[in-house]
Amino acid sequence: KAIESDYPHLVTKDSPTQRVGGLVLEKFTQVSHQRPMLSLDNVFNADELL
């Protein structure tokens, strides 16, 4: 972000600061997860995974 702030001409539509992830491809089928797919940001041990 700092570089793009200092050099705005470097910002592109596919920059990680502009878009996270990719396009959804139709060749893959959607699935429903048995448990919500939550962030692992606050997981500090194996017990917190489930």
Protein backbone atom coordinates (compact mmCIF):
# COMPACT_ATOMS: atom_id res chain seq x y z
CA LYS A 1 0.00 0.00 0.00
CA ALA A 2 2.81 2.38 0.84
CA ILE A 3 4.47 1.93 -2.54
CA GLU A 4 1.18 2.37 -4.38
CA SER A 5 0.49 5.45 -2.29
CA ASP A 6 3.85 6.94 -3.22
CA TYR A 7 3.61 5.77 -6.85
CA PRO A 8 -0.08 5.74 -7.84
CA HIS A 9 0.80 4.97 -11.47
CA LEU A 10 1.81 1.47 -10.29
CA VAL A 11 -1.73 0.60 -9.14
CA THR A 12 -3.36 -1.95 -11.43
CA LYS A 13 -6.77 -3.63 -11.30
CA ASP A 14 -5.14 -6.96 -10.40
CA SER A 15 -2.92 -5.53 -7.67
CA PRO A 16 -3.23 -7.42 -4.35
CA THR A 17 -4.33 -4.16 -2.72
CA GLN A 18 -7.22 -3.86 -5.17
CA ARG A 19 -8.46 -7.45 -5.35
CA VAL A 20 -8.00 -10.51 -3.16
CA GLY A 21 -8.50 -13.90 -4.78
CA GLY A 22 -9.25 -14.74 -8.36
CA LEU A 23 -12.19 -15.21 -10.64
CA VAL A 24 -14.55 -18.10 -9.93
CA LEU A 25 -14.19 -20.70 -12.68
CA GLU A 26 -17.35 -22.39 -13.91
CA LYS A 27 -15.59 -25.76 -14.33
CA PHE A 28 -15.56 -26.19 -10.54
CA THR A 29 -18.69 -27.17 -8.66
CA GLN A 30 -19.84 -25.34 -5.56
CA VAL A 31 -19.75 -27.23 -2.29
CA SER A 32 -21.35 -26.63 1.07
CA HIS A 33 -18.95 -26.97 3.97
CA GLN A 34 -20.11 -28.86 7.05
CA ARG A 35 -18.51 -26.15 9.18
CA PRO A 36 -18.03 -22.50 8.26
CA MET A 37 -14.69 -21.69 6.64
CA LEU A 38 -13.55 -18.99 9.06
CA SER A 39 -10.35 -16.99 9.29
CA LEU A 40 -7.30 -18.66 10.80
CA ASP A 41 -5.99 -15.28 11.93
CA ASN A 42 -6.68 -15.94 15.62
CA VAL A 43 -5.80 -19.65 15.75
CA PHE A 44 -2.86 -20.34 18.03
CA ASN A 45 -3.06 -24.11 18.57
CA ALA A 46 -4.59 -27.28 17.07
CA ASP A 47 -7.60 -27.22 19.46
CA GLU A 48 -8.74 -23.90 18.01
CA LEU A 49 -8.93 -25.31 14.47
CA LEU A 50 -12.21 -27.15 15.04
